[in-house]
Amino acid sequence: MGKYNMASTLTLSGYIRGIIITLFFASVVGILFVTSSRHGEVSSVIIGMSPINYTYMKLEPLFFSGGFPNNIQIYDASAPMRLYLFSKQLFNIEPEKTALAIILLQSTLITLGIFHLARSLGADYQTAMVILAMLIVSNLPGVNLARLGDGLQNQVQSLYYGFGQGFRLFAISYFLRSKYLFGAIFLGLTLVSHLTMGLAAIVFIGSYYLVWVREAFSKELLIPVIFVSVACLLFFFSVFSGLNIGFYPCNKEFFVSLAPNHFGSFWKLNCKCVLATNLHKLAFFNWTVRTLD
């Protein structure tokens, strides 16, 4: 009878733990989704290069023949951007609605990627959850030598940045676990999502194998890396072979006259977005710490 009660208690605690973890991840994804999508449409209008522009410029190019010159067709080099074209062509879903699904996917991917990497670095479930909560409520993500961090909400957009960030988190995590096939696949997904993010991940991961050279030439590592590399090269060859990339003639004085208004409006909007989302993010962090205690 005592063993039965103990087993029931353990089962119940497992259910409670699962519910708490599920609520935690749902909260994180929800926060990222809300903070990333609430000003997305206005931001797209100000920036002038968005999935909406890309979708209609690809499908209805004649409508933009007299527009201001830009190189928005370079979005072809990001595989996730094709989702906008497919959803419009196959299901007639407007890009504004597809953008919400894209932001939700990126929010989920980055959340799971951070948690997965934290676990690969040796963190237990509670520590990994606290790390994730700290990254959500702070502006630490995005810190570099050029600027302060802009927070995870700025990494999740209707474009491709969230896919690049999320996929390379998983790539690094799987390479740390010596699961080279999954690591190579996620590294390839990073490259076809955002080329420079993928190259940065290659430099980061490759630096490890500069020390452990023997491991770098193992069959378990080389075969998946070569396979994924060939697949990525074929993808980029198919993109760039038919892509007309160049600088359009433009009056320099006219462009310079537009720059202060463009960038000034964008940074004011960005600052308001960050300030508006900090309070409920701090409340969420407080909830996480109290729950784990």
C-alpha atoms as a PDB file:
ATOM      1  CA  MET A   1       0.000   0.000   0.000  1.00  0.00           C
ATOM      2  CA  GLY A   2       2.862   2.345   0.889  1.00  0.00           C
ATOM      3  CA  LYS A   3       4.627   1.567  -2.392  1.00  0.00           C
ATOM      4  CA  TYR A   4       1.377   2.260  -4.267  1.00  0.00           C
ATOM      5  CA  ASN A   5       0.958   5.631  -2.571  1.00  0.00           C
ATOM      6  CA  MET A   6       4.599   6.531  -3.301  1.00  0.00           C
ATOM      7  CA  ALA A   7       4.192   5.608  -6.976  1.00  0.00           C
ATOM      8  CA  SER A   8       1.002   7.665  -7.197  1.00  0.00           C
ATOM      9  CA  THR A   9       2.763  10.628  -5.580  1.00  0.00           C
ATOM     10  CA  LEU A  10       5.671  10.391  -8.029  1.00  0.00           C
ATOM     11  CA  THR A  11       3.275  10.170 -10.979  1.00  0.00           C
ATOM     12  CA  LEU A  12       1.311  13.189  -9.739  1.00  0.00           C
ATOM     13  CA  SER A  13       4.496  15.240  -9.221  1.00  0.00           C
ATOM     14  CA  GLY A  14       5.568  14.304 -12.735  1.00  0.00           C
ATOM     15  CA  TYR A  15       2.278  15.568 -14.135  1.00  0.00           C
ATOM     16  CA  ILE A  16       2.560  18.804 -12.157  1.00  0.00           C
ATOM     17  CA  ARG A  17       6.140  19.294 -13.358  1.00  0.00           C
ATOM     18  CA  GLY A  18       5.047  18.692 -16.949  1.00  0.00           C
ATOM     19  CA  ILE A  19       2.214  21.212 -16.617  1.00  0.00           C
ATOM     20  CA  ILE A  20       4.576  23.847 -15.161  1.00  0.00           C
ATOM     21  CA  ILE A  21       7.142  23.319 -17.955  1.00  0.00           C
ATOM     22  CA  THR A  22       4.401  23.452 -20.609  1.00  0.00           C
ATOM     23  CA  LEU A  23       2.979  26.673 -19.147  1.00  0.00           C
ATOM     24  CA  PHE A  24       6.476  28.125 -18.973  1.00  0.00           C
ATOM     25  CA  PHE A  25       7.252  27.440 -22.622  1.00  0.00           C
ATOM     26  CA  ALA A  26       3.828  28.656 -23.704  1.00  0.00           C
ATOM     27  CA  SER A  27       4.406  31.879 -21.751  1.00  0.00           C
ATOM     28  CA  VAL A  28       7.839  32.437 -23.285  1.00  0.00           C
ATOM     29  CA  VAL A  29       6.586  31.803 -26.813  1.00  0.00           C
ATOM     30  CA  GLY A  30       3.573  34.029 -26.144  1.00  0.00           C
ATOM     31  CA  ILE A  31       5.727  36.896 -24.864  1.00  0.00           C
ATOM     32  CA  LEU A  32       8.058  36.670 -27.854  1.00  0.00           C
ATOM     33  CA  PHE A  33       5.127  36.494 -30.260  1.00  0.00           C
ATOM     34  CA  VAL A  34       3.272  39.458 -28.770  1.00  0.00           C
ATOM     35  CA  THR A  35       6.309  41.728 -28.378  1.00  0.00           C
ATOM     36  CA  SER A  36       7.546  40.897 -31.878  1.00  0.00           C
ATOM     37  CA  SER A  37       4.256  41.222 -33.745  1.00  0.00           C
ATOM     38  CA  ARG A  38       2.500  44.137 -32.059  1.00  0.00           C
ATOM     39  CA  HIS A  39       4.429  46.810 -33.999  1.00  0.00           C
ATOM     40  CA  GLY A  40       5.452  44.656 -36.952  1.00  0.00           C
ATOM     41  CA  GLU A  41       3.140  46.216 -39.517  1.00  0.00           C
ATOM     42  CA  VAL A  42       4.115  49.804 -38.640  1.00  0.00           C
ATOM     43  CA  SER A  43       7.794  48.880 -38.592  1.00  0.00           C
ATOM     44  CA  SER A  44       7.488  47.268 -42.035  1.00  0.00           C
ATOM     45  CA  VAL A  45       5.942  50.431 -43.470  1.00  0.00           C
ATOM     46  CA  ILE A  46       8.743  52.598 -42.053  1.00  0.00           C
ATOM     47  CA  ILE A  47      11.570  50.288 -43.119  1.00  0.00           C
ATOM     48  CA  GLY A  48      10.090  49.832 -46.590  1.00  0.00           C
ATOM     49  CA  MET A  49      11.533  46.330 -47.120  1.00  0.00           C
ATOM     50  CA  SER A  50       9.147  43.720 -45.745  1.00  0.00           C
ATOM     51  CA  PRO A  51       7.638  40.345 -46.682  1.00  0.00           C
ATOM     52  CA  ILE A  52       4.632  42.236 -48.010  1.00  0.00           C
ATOM     53  CA  ASN A  53       6.796  44.159 -50.484  1.00  0.00           C
ATOM     54  CA  TYR A  54       8.734  41.004 -51.354  1.00  0.00           C
ATOM     55  CA  THR A  55       5.636  38.887 -52.001  1.00  0.00           C
ATOM     56  CA  TYR A  56       3.918  41.354 -54.310  1.00  0.00           C
ATOM     57  CA  MET A  57       7.117  42.415 -56.065  1.00  0.00           C
ATOM     58  CA  LYS A  58       7.728  38.750 -56.928  1.00  0.00           C
ATOM     59  CA  LEU A  59       4.152  37.995 -57.964  1.00  0.00           C
ATOM     60  CA  GLU A  60       3.166  41.385 -59.456  1.00  0.00           C
ATOM     61  CA  PRO A  61       6.444  43.029 -60.570  1.00  0.00           C
ATOM     62  CA  LEU A  62       4.736  45.473 -62.965  1.00  0.00           C
ATOM     63  CA  PHE A  63       3.038  47.212 -60.046  1.00  0.00           C
ATOM     64  CA  PHE A  64       6.475  48.280 -58.750  1.00  0.00           C
ATOM     65  CA  SER A  65       8.123  49.298 -62.010  1.00  0.00           C
ATOM     66  CA  GLY A  66       8.113  52.974 -60.975  1.00  0.00           C
ATOM     67  CA  GLY A  67       9.013  52.414 -57.333  1.00  0.00           C
ATOM     68  CA  PHE A  68      12.089  53.551 -55.405  1.00  0.00           C
ATOM     69  CA  PRO A  69      15.032  51.266 -56.325  1.00  0.00           C
ATOM     70  CA  ASN A  70      16.006  48.545 -53.862  1.00  0.00           C
ATOM     71  CA  ASN A  71      17.457  45.055 -53.807  1.00  0.00           C
ATOM     72  CA  ILE A  72      14.577  43.297 -52.067  1.00  0.00           C
ATOM     73  CA  GLN A  73      14.878  40.391 -54.501  1.00  0.00           C
ATOM     74  CA  ILE A  74      17.879  39.228 -52.437  1.00  0.00           C
ATOM     75  CA  TYR A  75      15.257  37.731 -50.094  1.00  0.00           C
ATOM     76  CA  ASP A  76      15.245  34.824 -52.556  1.00  0.00           C
ATOM     77  CA  ALA A  77      18.472  33.714 -50.852  1.00  0.00           C
ATOM     78  CA  SER A  78      16.489  32.895 -47.685  1.00  0.00           C
ATOM     79  CA  ALA A  79      14.479  29.686 -47.960  1.00  0.00           C
ATOM     80  CA  PRO A  80      11.894  30.616 -45.259  1.00  0.00           C
ATOM     81  CA  MET A  81      10.910  33.691 -47.293  1.00  0.00           C
ATOM     82  CA  ARG A  82       9.540  31.330 -49.947  1.00  0.00           C
ATOM     83  CA  LEU A  83       6.762  30.452 -47.472  1.00  0.00           C
ATOM     84  CA  TYR A  84       5.169  33.819 -48.251  1.00  0.00           C
ATOM     85  CA  LEU A  85       5.130  33.062 -51.955  1.00  0.00           C
ATOM     86  CA  PHE A  86       3.816  29.512 -51.499  1.00  0.00           C
ATOM     87  CA  SER A  87       1.036  30.548 -49.110  1.00  0.00           C
ATOM     88  CA  LYS A  88      -0.108  33.282 -51.491  1.00  0.00           C
ATOM     89  CA  GLN A  89       0.149  31.228 -54.684  1.00  0.00           C
ATOM     90  CA  LEU A  90      -1.263  27.951 -53.352  1.00  0.00           C
ATOM     91  CA  PHE A  91      -3.779  29.082 -50.725  1.00  0.00           C
ATOM     92  CA  ASN A  92      -4.240  32.797 -51.499  1.00  0.00           C
ATOM     93  CA  ILE A  93      -3.229  33.715 -47.938  1.00  0.00           C
ATOM     94  CA  GLU A  94      -2.223  37.350 -47.613  1.00  0.00           C
ATOM     95  CA  PRO A  95       1.406  37.939 -46.495  1.00  0.00           C
ATOM     96  CA  GLU A  96       0.163  39.970 -43.524  1.00  0.00           C
ATOM     97  CA  LYS A  97      -1.481  36.819 -42.124  1.00  0.00           C
ATOM     98  CA  THR A  98       1.411  34.557 -43.077  1.00  0.00           C
ATOM     99  CA  ALA A  99       3.743  36.915 -41.177  1.00  0.00           C
ATOM    100  CA  LEU A 100       1.952  36.095 -37.903  1.00  0.00           C
ATOM    101  CA  ALA A 101       2.502  32.370 -38.460  1.00  0.00           C
ATOM    102  CA  ILE A 102       6.161  33.027 -39.333  1.00  0.00           C
ATOM    103  CA  ILE A 103       6.673  35.044 -36.141  1.00  0.00           C
ATOM    104  CA  LEU A 104       5.044  32.301 -34.076  1.00  0.00           C
ATOM    105  CA  LEU A 105       7.288  29.658 -35.662  1.00  0.00           C
ATOM    106  CA  GLN A 106      10.404  31.742 -34.968  1.00  0.00           C
ATOM    107  CA  SER A 107       9.322  32.405 -31.373  1.00  0.00           C
ATOM    108  CA  THR A 108       8.920  28.661 -30.773  1.00  0.00           C
ATOM    109  CA  LEU A 109      12.188  27.809 -32.528  1.00  0.00           C
ATOM    110  CA  ILE A 110      14.302  30.298 -30.571  1.00  0.00           C
ATOM    111  CA  THR A 111      12.689  29.335 -27.253  1.00  0.00           C
ATOM    112  CA  LEU A 112      13.401  25.636 -27.774  1.00  0.00           C
ATOM    113  CA  GLY A 113      16.861  26.380 -29.195  1.00  0.00           C
ATOM    114  CA  ILE A 114      17.965  28.330 -26.125  1.00  0.00           C
ATOM    115  CA  PHE A 115      16.633  25.635 -23.803  1.00  0.00           C
ATOM    116  CA  HIS A 116      18.283  22.849 -25.836  1.00  0.00           C
ATOM    117  CA  LEU A 117      21.652  24.617 -25.850  1.00  0.00           C
ATOM    118  CA  ALA A 118      21.473  25.317 -22.114  1.00  0.00           C
ATOM    119  CA  ARG A 119      20.866  21.618 -21.500  1.00  0.00           C
ATOM    120  CA  SER A 120      23.795  20.707 -23.761  1.00  0.00           C
ATOM    121  CA  LEU A 121      26.014  22.985 -21.660  1.00  0.00           C
ATOM    122  CA  GLY A 122      25.121  21.013 -18.539  1.00  0.00           C
ATOM    123  CA  ALA A 123      22.217  22.982 -17.084  1.00  0.00           C
ATOM    124  CA  ASP A 124      19.404  21.072 -15.383  1.00  0.00           C
ATOM    125  CA  TYR A 125      15.771  21.828 -16.213  1.00  0.00           C
ATOM    126  CA  GLN A 126      15.378  24.503 -13.532  1.00  0.00           C
ATOM    127  CA  THR A 127      18.612  26.292 -14.447  1.00  0.00           C
ATOM    128  CA  ALA A 128      17.786  26.171 -18.165  1.00  0.00           C
ATOM    129  CA  MET A 129      14.372  27.703 -17.459  1.00  0.00           C
ATOM    130  CA  VAL A 130      15.919  30.528 -15.408  1.00  0.00           C
ATOM    131  CA  ILE A 131      18.472  31.205 -18.190  1.00  0.00           C
ATOM    132  CA  LEU A 132      15.678  31.356 -20.740  1.00  0.00           C
ATOM    133  CA  ALA A 133      13.623  33.668 -18.528  1.00  0.00           C
ATOM    134  CA  MET A 134      16.605  35.998 -18.026  1.00  0.00           C
ATOM    135  CA  LEU A 135      17.155  36.237 -21.775  1.00  0.00           C
ATOM    136  CA  ILE A 136      13.472  36.966 -22.372  1.00  0.00           C
ATOM    137  CA  VAL A 137      13.189  39.812 -19.835  1.00  0.00           C
ATOM    138  CA  SER A 138      16.528  41.486 -20.571  1.00  0.00           C
ATOM    139  CA  ASN A 139      18.136  43.150 -23.559  1.00  0.00           C
ATOM    140  CA  LEU A 140      21.216  40.913 -23.354  1.00  0.00           C
ATOM    141  CA  PRO A 141      20.556  39.146 -26.697  1.00  0.00           C
ATOM    142  CA  GLY A 142      22.141  41.151 -29.481  1.00  0.00           C
ATOM    143  CA  VAL A 143      25.014  42.605 -27.424  1.00  0.00           C
ATOM    144  CA  ASN A 144      28.144  43.111 -29.516  1.00  0.00           C
ATOM    145  CA  LEU A 145      31.092  45.464 -29.809  1.00  0.00           C
ATOM    146  CA  ALA A 146      29.028  47.974 -31.770  1.00  0.00           C
ATOM    147  CA  ARG A 147      25.942  48.370 -29.585  1.00  0.00           C
ATOM    148  CA  LEU A 148      24.009  47.301 -26.532  1.00  0.00           C
ATOM    149  CA  GLY A 149      21.613  44.389 -26.780  1.00  0.00           C
ATOM    150  CA  ASP A 150      18.187  44.829 -28.341  1.00  0.00           C
ATOM    151  CA  GLY A 151      16.478  41.813 -26.781  1.00  0.00           C
ATOM    152  CA  LEU A 152      15.091  38.620 -28.231  1.00  0.00           C
ATOM    153  CA  GLN A 153      11.977  40.388 -29.472  1.00  0.00           C
ATOM    154  CA  ASN A 154      14.120  42.141 -32.080  1.00  0.00           C
ATOM    155  CA  GLN A 155      15.509  38.786 -33.281  1.00  0.00           C
ATOM    156  CA  VAL A 156      11.994  37.536 -34.066  1.00  0.00           C
ATOM    157  CA  GLN A 157      10.596  39.382 -37.062  1.00  0.00           C
ATOM    158  CA  SER A 158       8.469  38.686 -40.079  1.00  0.00           C
ATOM    159  CA  LEU A 159      11.719  38.187 -41.987  1.00  0.00           C
ATOM    160  CA  TYR A 160      14.324  35.429 -41.559  1.00  0.00           C
ATOM    161  CA  TYR A 161      16.444  36.451 -38.567  1.00  0.00           C
ATOM    162  CA  GLY A 162      14.613  34.280 -36.050  1.00  0.00           C
ATOM    163  CA  PHE A 163      15.061  31.212 -38.238  1.00  0.00           C
ATOM    164  CA  GLY A 164      18.782  31.887 -38.565  1.00  0.00           C
ATOM    165  CA  GLN A 165      19.182  32.384 -34.811  1.00  0.00           C
ATOM    166  CA  GLY A 166      17.075  29.381 -33.832  1.00  0.00           C
ATOM    167  CA  PHE A 167      18.609  26.931 -36.291  1.00  0.00           C
ATOM    168  CA  ARG A 168      22.177  27.812 -35.334  1.00  0.00           C
ATOM    169  CA  LEU A 169      21.393  27.425 -31.629  1.00  0.00           C
ATOM    170  CA  PHE A 170      20.328  23.860 -32.368  1.00  0.00           C
ATOM    171  CA  ALA A 171      23.382  23.342 -34.618  1.00  0.00           C
ATOM    172  CA  ILE A 172      25.816  24.372 -31.884  1.00  0.00           C
ATOM    173  CA  SER A 173      23.908  22.312 -29.323  1.00  0.00           C
ATOM    174  CA  TYR A 174      23.992  19.121 -31.396  1.00  0.00           C
ATOM    175  CA  PHE A 175      27.681  19.502 -32.221  1.00  0.00           C
ATOM    176  CA  LEU A 176      28.357  19.831 -28.489  1.00  0.00           C
ATOM    177  CA  ARG A 177      26.541  16.516 -28.037  1.00  0.00           C
ATOM    178  CA  SER A 178      28.600  14.973 -30.885  1.00  0.00           C
ATOM    179  CA  LYS A 179      25.407  14.304 -32.843  1.00  0.00           C
ATOM    180  CA  TYR A 180      26.929  15.384 -36.122  1.00  0.00           C
ATOM    181  CA  LEU A 181      24.077  14.472 -38.471  1.00  0.00           C
ATOM    182  CA  PHE A 182      21.556  16.681 -36.662  1.00  0.00           C
ATOM    183  CA  GLY A 183      24.215  19.369 -36.170  1.00  0.00           C
ATOM    184  CA  ALA A 184      25.012  19.434 -39.888  1.00  0.00           C
ATOM    185  CA  ILE A 185      21.320  19.538 -40.839  1.00  0.00           C
ATOM    186  CA  PHE A 186      20.600  22.489 -38.551  1.00  0.00           C
ATOM    187  CA  LEU A 187      23.771  24.224 -39.762  1.00  0.00           C
ATOM    188  CA  GLY A 188      22.556  23.803 -43.311  1.00  0.00           C
ATOM    189  CA  LEU A 189      19.149  25.188 -42.354  1.00  0.00           C
ATOM    190  CA  THR A 190      20.927  28.194 -40.835  1.00  0.00           C
ATOM    191  CA  LEU A 191      22.841  28.823 -44.049  1.00  0.00           C
ATOM    192  CA  VAL A 192      19.755  28.695 -46.282  1.00  0.00           C
ATOM    193  CA  SER A 193      17.875  30.931 -43.827  1.00  0.00           C
ATOM    194  CA  HIS A 194      20.538  33.610 -43.345  1.00  0.00           C
ATOM    195  CA  LEU A 195      23.889  33.100 -45.065  1.00  0.00           C
ATOM    196  CA  THR A 196      26.059  35.305 -42.821  1.00  0.00           C
ATOM    197  CA  MET A 197      24.535  33.865 -39.634  1.00  0.00           C
ATOM    198  CA  GLY A 198      25.393  30.415 -40.947  1.00  0.00           C
ATOM    199  CA  LEU A 199      28.964  31.453 -41.760  1.00  0.00           C
ATOM    200  CA  ALA A 200      29.342  32.889 -38.250  1.00  0.00           C
ATOM    201  CA  ALA A 201      28.118  29.585 -36.807  1.00  0.00           C
ATOM    202  CA  ILE A 202      30.641  27.701 -38.969  1.00  0.00           C
ATOM    203  CA  VAL A 203      33.471  29.888 -37.631  1.00  0.00           C
ATOM    204  CA  PHE A 204      32.285  29.327 -34.047  1.00  0.00           C
ATOM    205  CA  ILE A 205      31.908  25.550 -34.404  1.00  0.00           C
ATOM    206  CA  GLY A 206      34.998  25.199 -36.604  1.00  0.00           C
ATOM    207  CA  SER A 207      37.225  26.858 -34.005  1.00  0.00           C
ATOM    208  CA  TYR A 208      36.623  23.848 -31.728  1.00  0.00           C
ATOM    209  CA  TYR A 209      37.890  21.434 -34.377  1.00  0.00           C
ATOM    210  CA  LEU A 210      41.043  23.494 -34.911  1.00  0.00           C
ATOM    211  CA  VAL A 211      42.065  22.151 -31.512  1.00  0.00           C
ATOM    212  CA  TRP A 212      40.617  18.642 -31.894  1.00  0.00           C
ATOM    213  CA  VAL A 213      41.830  18.054 -35.465  1.00  0.00           C
ATOM    214  CA  ARG A 214      41.565  14.261 -35.318  1.00  0.00           C
ATOM    215  CA  GLU A 215      37.873  14.446 -34.493  1.00  0.00           C
ATOM    216  CA  ALA A 216      37.317  16.830 -37.417  1.00  0.00           C
ATOM    217  CA  PHE A 217      38.398  14.148 -39.913  1.00  0.00           C
ATOM    218  CA  SER A 218      36.241  11.379 -38.482  1.00  0.00           C
ATOM    219  CA  LYS A 219      33.817   9.657 -40.830  1.00  0.00           C
ATOM    220  CA  GLU A 220      30.882  10.387 -38.516  1.00  0.00           C
ATOM    221  CA  LEU A 221      31.510  14.138 -38.919  1.00  0.00           C
ATOM    222  CA  LEU A 222      32.707  14.427 -42.520  1.00  0.00           C
ATOM    223  CA  ILE A 223      29.901  12.520 -44.269  1.00  0.00           C
ATOM    224  CA  PRO A 224      26.943  14.599 -42.978  1.00  0.00           C
ATOM    225  CA  VAL A 225      28.897  17.854 -43.310  1.00  0.00           C
ATOM    226  CA  ILE A 226      29.813  17.114 -46.952  1.00  0.00           C
ATOM    227  CA  PHE A 227      26.246  16.046 -47.767  1.00  0.00           C
ATOM    228  CA  VAL A 228      24.707  19.188 -46.264  1.00  0.00           C
ATOM    229  CA  SER A 229      27.375  21.417 -47.848  1.00  0.00           C
ATOM    230  CA  VAL A 230      26.558  20.086 -51.317  1.00  0.00           C
ATOM    231  CA  ALA A 231      22.831  20.616 -50.710  1.00  0.00           C
ATOM    232  CA  CYS A 232      23.443  24.232 -49.606  1.00  0.00           C
ATOM    233  CA  LEU A 233      25.688  24.943 -52.596  1.00  0.00           C
ATOM    234  CA  LEU A 234      23.012  23.653 -54.973  1.00  0.00           C
ATOM    235  CA  PHE A 235      20.421  25.857 -53.288  1.00  0.00           C
ATOM    236  CA  PHE A 236      22.535  29.021 -53.520  1.00  0.00           C
ATOM    237  CA  PHE A 237      23.558  28.221 -57.102  1.00  0.00           C
ATOM    238  CA  SER A 238      19.895  27.949 -58.085  1.00  0.00           C
ATOM    239  CA  VAL A 239      19.176  31.275 -56.355  1.00  0.00           C
ATOM    240  CA  PHE A 240      22.073  33.420 -57.518  1.00  0.00           C
ATOM    241  CA  SER A 241      22.304  32.077 -61.059  1.00  0.00           C
ATOM    242  CA  GLY A 242      18.938  33.656 -61.888  1.00  0.00           C
ATOM    243  CA  LEU A 243      19.114  36.668 -59.611  1.00  0.00           C
ATOM    244  CA  ASN A 244      19.913  40.129 -60.912  1.00  0.00           C
ATOM    245  CA  ILE A 245      21.691  41.847 -58.042  1.00  0.00           C
ATOM    246  CA  GLY A 246      23.085  45.293 -58.595  1.00  0.00           C
ATOM    247  CA  PHE A 247      22.997  48.915 -57.572  1.00  0.00           C
ATOM    248  CA  TYR A 248      20.358  50.961 -59.303  1.00  0.00           C
ATOM    249  CA  PRO A 249      21.136  54.506 -60.413  1.00  0.00           C
ATOM    250  CA  CYS A 250      19.926  56.905 -57.755  1.00  0.00           C
ATOM    251  CA  ASN A 251      20.484  60.570 -57.051  1.00  0.00           C
ATOM    252  CA  LYS A 252      22.772  60.679 -53.986  1.00  0.00           C
ATOM    253  CA  GLU A 253      21.493  64.043 -52.731  1.00  0.00           C
ATOM    254  CA  PHE A 254      17.917  62.754 -52.816  1.00  0.00           C
ATOM    255  CA  PHE A 255      18.829  59.608 -50.872  1.00  0.00           C
ATOM    256  CA  VAL A 256      20.758  61.562 -48.207  1.00  0.00           C
ATOM    257  CA  SER A 257      17.814  63.929 -47.758  1.00  0.00           C
ATOM    258  CA  LEU A 258      15.583  60.930 -46.954  1.00  0.00           C
ATOM    259  CA  ALA A 259      17.971  59.241 -44.496  1.00  0.00           C
ATOM    260  CA  PRO A 260      17.419  61.399 -41.341  1.00  0.00           C
ATOM    261  CA  ASN A 261      13.631  61.000 -41.460  1.00  0.00           C
ATOM    262  CA  HIS A 262      13.846  57.283 -42.219  1.00  0.00           C
ATOM    263  CA  PHE A 263      16.309  56.273 -39.510  1.00  0.00           C
ATOM    264  CA  GLY A 264      15.006  58.760 -36.945  1.00  0.00           C
ATOM    265  CA  SER A 265      11.470  57.380 -37.184  1.00  0.00           C
ATOM    266  CA  PHE A 266      12.696  53.794 -37.047  1.00  0.00           C
ATOM    267  CA  TRP A 267      14.799  54.206 -33.902  1.00  0.00           C
ATOM    268  CA  LYS A 268      12.044  56.161 -32.101  1.00  0.00           C
ATOM    269  CA  LEU A 269       9.630  53.322 -32.844  1.00  0.00           C
ATOM    270  CA  ASN A 270      12.156  50.707 -31.729  1.00  0.00           C
ATOM    271  CA  CYS A 271      12.765  52.462 -28.393  1.00  0.00           C
ATOM    272  CA  LYS A 272       9.014  52.697 -27.725  1.00  0.00           C
ATOM    273  CA  CYS A 273       8.620  48.978 -28.453  1.00  0.00           C
ATOM    274  CA  VAL A 274      11.372  48.056 -25.969  1.00  0.00           C
ATOM    275  CA  LEU A 275       9.994  50.316 -23.216  1.00  0.00           C
ATOM    276  CA  ALA A 276       6.434  49.084 -23.714  1.00  0.00           C
ATOM    277  CA  THR A 277       7.367  45.420 -23.275  1.00  0.00           C
ATOM    278  CA  ASN A 278       9.720  45.535 -20.284  1.00  0.00           C
ATOM    279  CA  LEU A 279       7.105  45.652 -17.487  1.00  0.00           C
ATOM    280  CA  HIS A 280       5.238  42.455 -18.263  1.00  0.00           C
ATOM    281  CA  LYS A 281       8.505  40.679 -19.091  1.00  0.00           C
ATOM    282  CA  LEU A 282       9.770  41.485 -15.591  1.00  0.00           C
ATOM    283  CA  ALA A 283       6.502  40.183 -14.149  1.00  0.00           C
ATOM    284  CA  PHE A 284       7.003  36.939 -16.058  1.00  0.00           C
ATOM    285  CA  PHE A 285      10.566  36.580 -14.737  1.00  0.00           C
ATOM    286  CA  ASN A 286       9.276  37.080 -11.191  1.00  0.00           C
ATOM    287  CA  TRP A 287       6.651  34.359 -11.764  1.00  0.00           C
ATOM    288  CA  THR A 288       9.330  31.938 -13.046  1.00  0.00           C
ATOM    289  CA  VAL A 289      11.626  32.385 -10.043  1.00  0.00           C
ATOM    290  CA  ARG A 290       8.748  32.069  -7.556  1.00  0.00           C
ATOM    291  CA  THR A 291       7.439  28.928  -9.267  1.00  0.00           C
ATOM    292  CA  LEU A 292      10.834  27.194  -9.313  1.00  0.00           C
ATOM    293  CA  ASP A 293      11.395  28.057  -5.657  1.00  0.00           C
END
